[in-house]
Amino acid sequence: MTDLPNGFTGFSHRDPNFVSAGDALRGSRYDDTPFAARKQAQGRNLAEAWSPAASERAGAGVAAEGGSDAAARGASRSLSQLSSAASDVLRFAEQGTAAAGAPRFDPDKLARIPEVDRRWAWVEIDLNAIRHNASAVKQRLNPGTRLMAVVKADGYGHGAVQCAKTALNSGAEYLGVATVDEAIALREAYVNAPILILGEPPATAIPLLLAYKIMPAIYTAEFAIRYAEAADAFGVSAPFHLKVNTGMNRIGVRWDEVVEFARQISFHRALDLVGTFTHFATADCPGTIDFERQVKRFYEAVNALRAAGINPGIVHAANSAAGIRYPEVQLDMVRLGISLYGFYPCPEAYPMIDLKPAMSVKARITDVKTLPVGEGVSYGLNYRSPGAVKICTMPIGYADGFRRGLSGRTDVLLAGRRFHQVGNICMDQSMFEVNLRQRNDLDPQIGDTVTIVGEQGEASVTIDQMAETLGTIQHEVAIGFGCSRLPRLYV
């Protein structure tokens, strides 16, 4: 038995014109001189074998020499007569190069191969759901109240640029992010709405704030003065929002020190106080004592600024939970974060508003096998086949946000039915079980679409369910999927 260069065995006789997979791959490189020389030494260049013009010439030559019709037909093999696999590959070759040598792959054509054709796992984002959610919240706002779309963490994994543009077209007027780079990405995508960084960035980022017209939150005098000095040097203003700490104790000026802070920095002519805000720690909790305490402190801070003759600008405090549950704290603007993407911030919000999840996660089956009784699956072999089951593999794992903690604790959807995920979820792959005794009418095949998050028919698997299983919040699960290496498709 002879081992061939392409890894196949058992072929002791080869056609004289056989081209191994290794040679074919080497021939596709840009420097194909050694490959062409090798093929010419064998009496036939790969390019000639694939070139319609060369094939026609070869066919004509055979016929003129009295060769058989079969030989002529074999020699005149054209591109249209190649196998579909070869034809598909040749679509990505440069034009007009076959006659001169081996076909070369065209980088521009290769770049146009869709991401879902490179790997059978992806995230889908329904922009109509984003539009619906922004409009639903906008309709609940008090007259004159602005809407800020919070698109930090790449839009909670949904895509900051696309979601920002969709939200702005659906009634939002402001955008909120967490980092300077997040804001720059929006500006470079031609998003011109006001952008607020919800924290104070490092002073070394001040040139970027001014160049890209990005507003920071401010709560330290040192940053405020350096920001103002830099703006003044360019002859522009230094707009900002004052962050007030009313009890969450994360960042911000203490509520009872805001007037002193404002006076400390107000001497600088470049500073422009555009807004004043705080953040609620318990707006999504059943109890209201801490929430009411923060509201009271924030009102005190804002009223103190006004009493001191300082205009607080746009006053805002409500996140998704507070904006939906407590209309009285909507004030001048509501910051819509998790609910923009279709997630309810707390159980109390369910009867108050209709939200639609925008994210679904899908994959295609890459392998199907029937396991006998007792055979294990995945690392640790924690799952053992009960017999009469098919194990289906998907190319999605915990590196893609499909958390390992969900192993054996979640379902997937195939053909509108729920099937249990089995075995430990791997970094790149995971498996589920089709019980042939219960589902004997279903024959899963490689290439079938599986829903990991979303709906199929009447069945559904939600991020909320996954978050509850993991003991975490929807934000973390959604960001895990959306900010992973999975391609993101907009539908």
Protein backbone atom coordinates (compact mmCIF):
# COMPACT_ATOMS: atom_id res chain seq x y z
CA MET A 1 0.00 0.00 0.00
CA THR A 2 1.44 3.37 -1.01
CA ASP A 3 1.12 6.55 1.09
CA LEU A 4 0.55 9.58 -1.10
CA PRO A 5 1.53 13.22 -0.32
CA ASN A 6 -2.07 14.28 0.16
CA GLY A 7 -2.64 11.83 2.99
CA PHE A 8 -4.73 9.24 1.13
CA THR A 9 -3.59 5.63 1.16
CA GLY A 10 -4.36 2.51 -0.82
CA PHE A 11 -3.84 3.93 -4.32
CA SER A 12 -0.83 2.13 -5.73
CA HIS A 13 -1.52 3.28 -9.32
CA ARG A 14 -2.00 6.89 -10.22
CA ASP A 15 -2.86 8.68 -13.41
CA PRO A 16 0.30 10.26 -14.88
CA ASN A 17 -1.41 13.64 -14.63
CA PHE A 18 -2.44 13.23 -10.96
CA VAL A 19 -1.89 16.34 -8.84
CA SER A 20 -1.70 15.83 -5.10
CA ALA A 21 -3.52 18.11 -2.68
CA GLY A 22 -0.19 19.30 -1.33
CA ASP A 23 1.00 20.32 -4.80
CA ALA A 24 -2.31 21.99 -5.58
CA LEU A 25 -2.11 24.07 -2.40
CA ARG A 26 1.50 24.98 -3.05
CA GLY A 27 0.56 25.95 -6.56
CA SER A 28 -2.03 28.41 -5.29
CA ARG A 29 0.61 30.55 -3.62
CA TYR A 30 1.74 33.75 -5.21
CA ASP A 31 5.26 32.51 -5.90
CA ASP A 32 4.37 29.52 -8.05
CA THR A 33 7.59 29.18 -10.04
CA PRO A 34 8.86 26.02 -8.28
CA PHE A 35 5.42 24.46 -8.55
CA ALA A 36 5.11 25.26 -12.28
CA ALA A 37 8.55 23.84 -12.91
CA ARG A 38 7.63 20.62 -11.15
CA LYS A 39 4.42 20.27 -13.15
CA GLN A 40 6.20 20.96 -16.45
CA ALA A 41 8.67 18.23 -15.59
CA GLN A 42 5.75 15.86 -15.16
CA GLY A 43 4.59 16.83 -18.65
CA ARG A 44 1.55 18.91 -17.72
CA ASN A 45 1.02 22.19 -15.92
CA LEU A 46 -1.88 22.41 -13.50
CA ALA A 47 -2.91 25.66 -15.12
CA GLU A 48 -3.19 23.94 -18.48
CA ALA A 49 -5.42 21.28 -16.98
CA TRP A 50 -7.76 23.99 -15.61
CA SER A 51 -7.60 26.44 -18.51
CA PRO A 52 -10.49 26.24 -21.02
CA ALA A 53 -8.30 27.68 -23.78
CA ALA A 54 -5.52 25.23 -23.15
CA SER A 55 -7.98 22.36 -22.96
CA GLU A 56 -9.45 23.29 -26.34
CA ARG A 57 -5.99 23.37 -27.86
CA ALA A 58 -5.18 19.99 -26.36
CA GLY A 59 -8.42 18.53 -27.67
CA ALA A 60 -7.80 19.86 -31.14
CA GLY A 61 -4.30 18.38 -31.15
CA VAL A 62 -5.48 14.94 -30.15
CA ALA A 63 -8.19 14.94 -32.79
CA ALA A 64 -5.72 16.01 -35.50
CA GLU A 65 -3.44 13.14 -34.62
CA GLY A 66 -6.27 10.69 -35.02
CA GLY A 67 -6.83 10.11 -31.34
CA SER A 68 -10.04 8.60 -30.10
CA ASP A 69 -13.12 10.73 -29.43
CA ALA A 70 -12.92 9.70 -25.78
CA ALA A 71 -9.36 10.96 -25.55
CA ALA A 72 -10.34 14.22 -27.21
CA ARG A 73 -13.23 14.69 -24.82
CA GLY A 74 -10.95 14.01 -21.87
CA ALA A 75 -8.32 16.43 -23.10
CA SER A 76 -10.83 19.19 -23.83
CA ARG A 77 -12.07 19.29 -20.26
CA SER A 78 -13.33 22.84 -19.68
CA LEU A 79 -14.00 24.87 -16.55
CA SER A 80 -17.72 24.22 -16.87
CA GLN A 81 -17.04 20.47 -16.84
CA LEU A 82 -15.00 20.51 -13.66
CA SER A 83 -16.45 19.18 -10.44
CA SER A 84 -18.60 21.69 -8.57
CA ALA A 85 -15.98 21.79 -5.79
CA ALA A 86 -13.21 22.72 -8.22
CA SER A 87 -15.42 25.28 -9.94
CA ASP A 88 -16.28 26.86 -6.59
CA VAL A 89 -12.61 27.19 -5.73
CA LEU A 90 -11.68 28.62 -9.14
CA ARG A 91 -14.19 31.43 -8.65
CA PHE A 92 -11.69 32.93 -6.24
CA ALA A 93 -8.75 32.86 -8.65
CA GLU A 94 -7.40 35.93 -10.42
CA GLN A 95 -8.70 36.42 -13.94
CA GLY A 96 -6.43 35.82 -16.92
CA THR A 97 -3.66 34.02 -15.08
CA ALA A 98 -4.40 30.39 -15.90
CA ALA A 99 -2.66 30.39 -19.29
CA ALA A 100 0.50 31.90 -17.79
CA GLY A 101 0.80 29.48 -14.91
CA ALA A 102 -1.07 28.01 -11.98
CA PRO A 103 -4.20 29.87 -10.87
CA ARG A 104 -3.58 32.31 -8.07
CA PHE A 105 -6.08 33.17 -5.38
CA ASP A 106 -7.36 36.75 -5.50
CA PRO A 107 -7.18 38.35 -2.01
CA ASP A 108 -10.11 40.66 -2.75
CA LYS A 109 -12.32 37.75 -3.77
CA LEU A 110 -11.25 35.71 -0.75
CA ALA A 111 -12.15 38.61 1.54
CA ARG A 112 -15.71 38.53 0.18
CA ILE A 113 -16.36 34.99 1.41
CA PRO A 114 -19.06 35.51 4.09
CA GLU A 115 -18.01 34.90 7.68
CA VAL A 116 -20.74 32.29 8.14
CA ASP A 117 -19.17 30.33 5.29
CA ARG A 118 -15.87 30.28 7.14
CA ARG A 119 -17.32 28.88 10.33
CA TRP A 120 -20.73 27.43 11.03
CA ALA A 121 -21.60 29.48 14.10
CA TRP A 122 -22.82 33.07 14.32
CA VAL A 123 -24.83 35.69 16.20
CA GLU A 124 -27.89 37.29 14.60
CA ILE A 125 -29.06 40.77 15.59
CA ASP A 126 -32.58 41.89 14.73
CA LEU A 127 -32.37 45.66 14.20
CA ASN A 128 -36.16 45.84 14.01
CA ALA A 129 -36.19 44.68 17.64
CA ILE A 130 -33.76 47.48 18.56
CA ARG A 131 -36.02 49.93 16.78
CA HIS A 132 -39.09 48.56 18.55
CA ASN A 133 -37.48 48.75 22.00
CA ALA A 134 -36.23 52.31 21.56
CA SER A 135 -39.66 53.43 20.36
CA ALA A 136 -41.45 51.59 23.17
CA VAL A 137 -39.39 53.37 25.82
CA LYS A 138 -39.57 56.70 24.01
CA GLN A 139 -43.37 56.51 24.12
CA ARG A 140 -43.25 56.11 27.91
CA LEU A 141 -41.14 59.19 28.51
CA ASN A 142 -42.55 62.39 29.92
CA PRO A 143 -42.88 65.26 27.44
CA GLY A 144 -39.51 66.89 26.80
CA THR A 145 -37.46 64.02 28.25
CA ARG A 146 -34.55 62.99 26.07
CA LEU A 147 -33.47 59.41 25.40
CA MET A 148 -29.85 58.30 25.60
CA ALA A 149 -28.96 54.98 23.95
CA VAL A 150 -26.18 53.32 25.93
CA VAL A 151 -24.03 51.39 23.45
CA LYS A 152 -21.00 50.58 25.58
CA ALA A 153 -19.36 47.14 25.40
CA ASP A 154 -20.01 47.15 21.64
CA GLY A 155 -23.71 47.68 22.21
CA TYR A 156 -23.84 44.98 24.93
CA GLY A 157 -22.53 42.62 22.27
CA HIS A 158 -25.07 43.70 19.66
CA GLY A 159 -22.79 46.04 17.69
CA ALA A 160 -22.39 49.63 18.85
CA VAL A 161 -22.40 51.36 15.47
CA GLN A 162 -25.43 49.59 14.01
CA CYS A 163 -27.42 49.82 17.24
CA ALA A 164 -26.51 53.47 17.76
CA LYS A 165 -27.67 54.42 14.28
CA THR A 166 -30.87 52.41 14.68
CA ALA A 167 -31.62 53.96 18.08
CA LEU A 168 -30.96 57.48 16.81
CA ASN A 169 -33.37 56.85 13.95
CA SER A 170 -35.93 55.65 16.51
CA GLY A 171 -36.00 58.65 18.81
CA ALA A 172 -32.74 58.61 20.79
CA GLU A 173 -30.83 61.88 20.90
CA TYR A 174 -27.74 61.03 22.96
CA LEU A 175 -25.28 58.14 23.09
CA GLY A 176 -23.49 56.75 26.11
CA VAL A 177 -20.26 54.73 26.11
CA ALA A 178 -17.68 53.60 28.66
CA THR A 179 -14.37 54.28 26.92
CA VAL A 180 -12.71 56.75 24.62
CA ASP A 181 -12.14 54.11 21.95
CA GLU A 182 -15.82 53.19 21.97
CA ALA A 183 -16.67 56.82 21.27
CA ILE A 184 -14.03 57.13 18.55
CA ALA A 185 -15.42 54.06 16.79
CA LEU A 186 -18.80 55.79 16.59
CA ARG A 187 -17.30 59.00 15.24
CA GLU A 188 -15.31 57.11 12.63
CA ALA A 189 -18.57 55.49 11.55
CA TYR A 190 -20.00 59.00 10.93
CA VAL A 191 -22.21 59.05 14.02
CA ASN A 192 -22.60 62.75 14.85
CA ALA A 193 -24.91 62.68 17.88
CA PRO A 194 -23.64 63.89 21.28
CA ILE A 195 -21.56 61.15 22.95
CA LEU A 196 -21.01 60.97 26.70
CA ILE A 197 -18.32 58.81 28.30
CA LEU A 198 -20.03 57.64 31.47
CA GLY A 199 -16.77 57.70 33.43
CA GLU A 200 -13.79 60.02 33.64
CA PRO A 201 -11.05 58.90 31.23
CA PRO A 202 -7.32 59.34 31.90
CA ALA A 203 -5.99 62.83 31.32
CA THR A 204 -3.68 61.49 28.60
CA ALA A 205 -6.79 60.91 26.47
CA ILE A 206 -7.82 64.58 26.51
CA PRO A 207 -6.50 65.30 22.97
CA LEU A 208 -8.78 62.54 21.67
CA LEU A 209 -11.80 64.01 23.47
CA LEU A 210 -11.25 67.37 21.82
CA ALA A 211 -10.36 66.01 18.39
CA TYR A 212 -13.42 63.75 18.19
CA LYS A 213 -15.82 66.02 20.11
CA ILE A 214 -16.51 63.56 22.91
CA MET A 215 -17.85 64.65 26.30
CA PRO A 216 -16.39 63.08 29.44
CA ALA A 217 -17.92 62.66 32.84
CA ILE A 218 -15.91 64.64 35.39
CA TYR A 219 -15.51 64.15 39.12
CA THR A 220 -11.90 65.19 39.86
CA ALA A 221 -10.60 68.74 39.80
CA GLU A 222 -7.23 67.69 38.38
CA PHE A 223 -8.78 66.23 35.26
CA ALA A 224 -11.20 69.13 34.88
CA ILE A 225 -8.42 71.74 34.87
CA ARG A 226 -6.18 69.84 32.47
CA TYR A 227 -9.15 69.29 30.16
CA ALA A 228 -10.03 72.98 30.27
CA GLU A 229 -6.44 74.12 29.68
CA ALA A 230 -6.12 71.87 26.62
CA ALA A 231 -9.42 73.09 25.20
CA ASP A 232 -8.49 76.73 25.80
CA ALA A 233 -5.21 76.24 23.95
CA PHE A 234 -7.22 75.22 20.88
CA GLY A 235 -9.75 77.99 21.32
CA VAL A 236 -12.65 75.61 21.96
CA SER A 237 -14.88 74.82 24.93
CA ALA A 238 -14.56 71.79 27.21
CA PRO A 239 -18.07 70.34 27.60
CA PHE A 240 -18.68 67.76 30.33
CA HIS A 241 -21.26 66.11 32.56
CA LEU A 242 -20.76 66.26 36.31
CA LYS A 243 -21.00 62.80 37.91
CA VAL A 244 -22.58 62.78 41.37
CA ASN A 245 -22.13 59.96 43.88
CA THR A 246 -25.44 59.55 45.69
CA GLY A 247 -24.73 56.22 47.35
CA MET A 248 -23.50 53.69 44.83
CA ASN A 249 -19.96 54.67 45.90
CA ARG A 250 -18.28 53.74 42.64
CA ILE A 251 -17.29 57.09 41.10
CA GLY A 252 -18.48 60.66 41.38
CA VAL A 253 -18.44 63.76 43.58
CA ARG A 254 -20.31 63.24 46.86
CA TRP A 255 -23.81 64.67 46.67
CA ASP A 256 -23.13 67.07 49.58
CA GLU A 257 -19.89 68.37 48.04
CA VAL A 258 -21.01 69.22 44.50
CA VAL A 259 -21.27 72.98 45.06
CA GLU A 260 -17.78 73.14 46.55
CA PHE A 261 -16.44 71.08 43.64
CA ALA A 262 -18.21 73.22 41.04
CA ARG A 263 -16.79 76.41 42.57
CA GLN A 264 -13.32 74.87 42.66
CA ILE A 265 -13.26 74.44 38.88
CA SER A 266 -15.71 77.11 37.69
CA PHE A 267 -13.01 79.78 37.37
CA HIS A 268 -11.86 78.26 34.09
CA ARG A 269 -13.62 79.88 31.17
CA ALA A 270 -13.30 76.84 28.84
CA LEU A 271 -15.30 74.46 31.05
CA ASP A 272 -18.89 73.99 29.99
CA LEU A 273 -21.20 72.09 32.35
CA VAL A 274 -23.60 70.40 29.94
CA GLY A 275 -25.21 67.93 32.34
CA THR A 276 -25.35 66.52 35.85
CA PHE A 277 -26.10 62.89 36.57
CA THR A 278 -26.03 60.01 39.00
CA HIS A 279 -26.57 56.26 38.80
CA PHE A 280 -28.98 54.12 40.81
CA ALA A 281 -27.69 50.97 42.48
CA THR A 282 -31.06 49.35 43.26
CA ALA A 283 -33.59 50.57 40.69
CA ASP A 284 -34.04 46.96 39.58
CA CYS A 285 -34.52 45.60 43.10
CA PRO A 286 -37.88 44.94 44.80
CA GLY A 287 -37.10 47.14 47.80
CA THR A 288 -37.17 50.92 47.40
CA ILE A 289 -35.51 52.32 50.55
CA ASP A 290 -32.01 52.66 49.07
CA PHE A 291 -33.43 53.84 45.76
CA GLU A 292 -35.45 56.58 47.46
CA ARG A 293 -32.40 57.64 49.47
CA GLN A 294 -30.39 58.09 46.27
CA VAL A 295 -33.20 60.06 44.65
CA LYS A 296 -33.39 62.39 47.65
CA ARG A 297 -29.64 62.97 47.67
CA PHE A 298 -29.56 63.68 43.96
CA TYR A 299 -32.36 66.22 44.20
CA GLU A 300 -30.47 67.91 47.04
CA ALA A 301 -27.31 68.13 44.95
CA VAL A 302 -29.08 69.55 41.90
CA ASN A 303 -31.05 72.06 43.97
CA ALA A 304 -27.86 73.14 45.73
CA LEU A 305 -26.20 73.84 42.37
CA ARG A 306 -29.13 75.93 41.27
CA ALA A 307 -29.23 77.81 44.56
CA ALA A 308 -25.56 78.66 44.05
CA GLY A 309 -26.37 80.11 40.62
CA ILE A 310 -24.90 77.16 38.73
CA ASN A 311 -26.94 75.69 35.89
CA PRO A 312 -26.74 71.87 36.17
CA GLY A 313 -27.61 71.45 32.49
CA ILE A 314 -29.26 68.18 31.44
CA VAL A 315 -30.22 66.41 34.66
CA HIS A 316 -30.38 62.62 34.33
CA ALA A 317 -30.44 59.65 36.66
CA ALA A 318 -32.72 56.91 35.31
CA ASN A 319 -31.32 53.74 33.79
CA SER A 320 -33.55 51.17 32.06
CA ALA A 321 -35.12 49.95 35.30
CA ALA A 322 -35.78 53.39 36.76
CA GLY A 323 -36.94 54.82 33.44
CA ILE A 324 -39.56 52.08 33.07
CA ARG A 325 -40.61 51.68 36.71
CA TYR A 326 -40.42 55.25 38.04
CA PRO A 327 -41.61 57.96 35.63
CA GLU A 328 -41.01 60.59 38.32
CA VAL A 329 -37.22 60.21 37.97
CA GLN A 330 -37.10 60.41 34.19
CA LEU A 331 -36.09 64.08 34.59
CA ASP A 332 -34.38 65.59 31.53
CA MET A 333 -33.03 62.35 30.06
CA VAL A 334 -33.27 58.56 30.49
CA ARG A 335 -30.27 56.33 29.80
CA LEU A 336 -31.54 53.23 28.03
CA GLY A 337 -29.07 50.35 28.30
CA ILE A 338 -30.05 46.70 28.71
CA SER A 339 -33.66 47.25 27.68
CA LEU A 340 -32.62 48.73 24.35
CA TYR A 341 -31.59 45.19 23.45
CA GLY A 342 -34.86 43.61 24.56
CA PHE A 343 -34.06 42.52 28.10
CA TYR A 344 -36.31 43.28 31.04
CA PRO A 345 -34.25 44.84 33.85
CA CYS A 346 -36.33 43.20 36.57
CA PRO A 347 -39.49 41.07 36.91
CA GLU A 348 -41.53 44.12 37.91
CA ALA A 349 -41.02 45.61 34.45
CA TYR A 350 -42.68 42.75 32.55
CA PRO A 351 -46.26 44.08 32.71
CA MET A 352 -45.15 47.66 32.09
CA ILE A 353 -43.64 47.46 28.61
CA ASP A 354 -43.29 45.15 25.60
CA LEU A 355 -39.67 44.46 24.70
CA LYS A 356 -38.26 42.20 22.00
CA PRO A 357 -34.90 40.40 22.34
CA ALA A 358 -32.63 41.37 19.47
CA MET A 359 -29.97 38.66 19.78
CA SER A 360 -30.08 35.05 18.71
CA VAL A 361 -27.19 32.59 18.46
CA LYS A 362 -27.05 29.85 15.83
CA ALA A 363 -24.75 27.13 14.53
CA ARG A 364 -24.74 24.30 12.02
CA ILE A 365 -24.11 20.67 12.84
CA THR A 366 -20.58 19.62 11.92
CA ASP A 367 -20.71 15.96 12.91
CA VAL A 368 -23.31 13.30 13.75
CA LYS A 369 -22.55 9.95 15.33
CA THR A 370 -24.55 7.14 16.93
CA LEU A 371 -23.05 5.98 20.21
CA PRO A 372 -23.50 2.57 21.83
CA VAL A 373 -24.44 2.27 25.47
CA GLY A 374 -21.77 3.49 27.85
CA GLU A 375 -19.71 5.54 25.41
CA GLY A 376 -18.76 8.94 26.82
CA VAL A 377 -18.77 12.42 25.28
CA SER A 378 -16.35 15.34 25.68
CA TYR A 379 -13.72 16.10 28.31
CA GLY A 380 -14.09 14.07 31.46
CA LEU A 381 -16.60 11.74 29.77
CA ASN A 382 -19.15 12.97 32.32
CA TYR A 383 -21.97 12.10 29.93
CA ARG A 384 -22.46 8.44 28.97
CA SER A 385 -24.69 7.30 26.15
CA PRO A 386 -27.84 5.48 27.24
CA GLY A 387 -27.98 3.90 23.78
CA ALA A 388 -30.16 4.73 20.79
CA VAL A 389 -28.94 8.34 20.68
CA LYS A 390 -27.24 10.46 18.09
CA ILE A 391 -24.63 12.93 19.27
CA CYS A 392 -24.50 16.10 17.18
CA THR A 393 -21.51 18.43 17.31
CA MET A 394 -21.64 22.21 16.83
CA PRO A 395 -18.62 24.52 16.26
CA ILE A 396 -19.34 26.80 19.21
CA GLY A 397 -17.82 26.74 22.67
CA TYR A 398 -16.95 28.80 25.70
CA ALA A 399 -14.51 30.94 23.68
CA ASP A 400 -17.65 32.08 21.83
CA GLY A 401 -19.65 32.91 24.95
CA PHE A 402 -21.32 29.50 25.29
CA ARG A 403 -20.27 29.28 28.90
CA ARG A 404 -18.79 26.05 30.24
CA GLY A 405 -20.99 26.41 33.31
CA LEU A 406 -23.97 25.61 31.07
CA SER A 407 -22.63 22.13 30.32
CA GLY A 408 -25.48 19.66 30.61
CA ARG A 409 -27.74 22.44 31.92
CA THR A 410 -29.21 23.98 28.78
CA ASP A 411 -31.06 22.96 25.64
CA VAL A 412 -30.71 23.78 21.95
CA LEU A 413 -33.36 23.88 19.25
CA LEU A 414 -33.45 21.76 16.11
CA ALA A 415 -36.46 21.52 13.80
CA GLY A 416 -38.54 23.44 16.34
CA ARG A 417 -37.80 20.99 19.17
CA ARG A 418 -35.68 21.15 22.30
CA PHE A 419 -32.68 18.86 22.67
CA HIS A 420 -30.40 18.62 25.67
CA GLN A 421 -26.82 19.78 25.46
CA VAL A 422 -24.55 16.98 26.70
CA GLY A 423 -20.93 16.66 27.72
CA ASN A 424 -18.66 19.46 28.83
CA ILE A 425 -18.78 22.49 26.55
CA CYS A 426 -15.33 22.79 24.98
CA MET A 427 -13.45 25.91 23.99
CA ASP A 428 -14.48 25.63 20.33
CA GLN A 429 -17.16 22.93 20.15
CA SER A 430 -20.15 21.50 22.00
CA MET A 431 -22.53 18.61 21.59
CA PHE A 432 -26.20 17.80 22.03
CA GLU A 433 -28.20 14.60 22.11
CA VAL A 434 -31.02 13.40 19.87
CA ASN A 435 -32.76 10.50 21.59
CA LEU A 436 -33.87 8.16 18.82
CA ARG A 437 -36.38 6.44 21.09
CA GLN A 438 -38.22 9.71 21.66
CA ARG A 439 -37.44 11.49 18.37
CA ASN A 440 -37.32 8.63 15.90
CA ASP A 441 -38.82 10.76 13.13
CA LEU A 442 -35.86 13.19 13.19
CA ASP A 443 -32.68 12.45 11.31
CA PRO A 444 -30.14 15.21 12.06
CA GLN A 445 -27.64 15.88 9.29
CA ILE A 446 -24.38 17.77 8.96
CA GLY A 447 -25.27 21.33 7.96
CA ASP A 448 -28.62 21.49 9.80
CA THR A 449 -29.15 24.80 11.63
CA VAL A 450 -29.32 24.70 15.42
CA THR A 451 -30.51 27.58 17.60
CA ILE A 452 -28.54 28.03 20.82
CA VAL A 453 -30.34 31.27 21.78
CA GLY A 454 -33.61 32.30 20.20
CA GLU A 455 -36.78 30.75 18.85
CA GLN A 456 -37.72 27.92 16.49
CA GLY A 457 -41.43 27.49 16.07
CA GLU A 458 -43.04 27.42 19.50
CA ALA A 459 -39.82 26.49 21.30
CA SER A 460 -37.32 28.99 22.68
CA VAL A 461 -34.09 29.22 24.65
CA THR A 462 -33.40 32.63 26.18
CA ILE A 463 -30.43 34.48 27.54
CA ASP A 464 -32.50 35.12 30.65
CA GLN A 465 -32.74 31.35 31.22
CA MET A 466 -29.01 30.95 30.74
CA ALA A 467 -28.29 33.84 33.13
CA GLU A 468 -30.52 32.28 35.78
CA THR A 469 -28.78 28.92 35.37
CA LEU A 470 -25.38 30.57 35.70
CA GLY A 471 -26.41 32.80 38.59
CA THR A 472 -25.59 35.99 36.72
CA ILE A 473 -27.31 38.76 34.73
CA GLN A 474 -28.35 38.96 31.08
CA HIS A 475 -25.73 41.63 30.38
CA GLU A 476 -22.87 39.22 31.00
CA VAL A 477 -24.29 36.42 28.86
CA ALA A 478 -25.22 38.68 25.93
CA ILE A 479 -21.85 40.41 25.94
CA GLY A 480 -20.16 37.01 26.12
CA PHE A 481 -21.79 35.88 22.89
CA GLY A 482 -21.77 39.20 21.06
CA CYS A 483 -18.22 40.28 21.85
CA SER A 484 -16.67 36.88 21.14
CA ARG A 485 -15.11 35.73 17.88
CA LEU A 486 -18.52 34.78 16.46
CA PRO A 487 -19.46 36.72 13.32
CA ARG A 488 -22.39 39.04 13.79
CA LEU A 489 -25.17 39.18 11.20
CA TYR A 490 -27.88 41.84 11.05
CA VAL A 491 -31.33 40.76 9.97
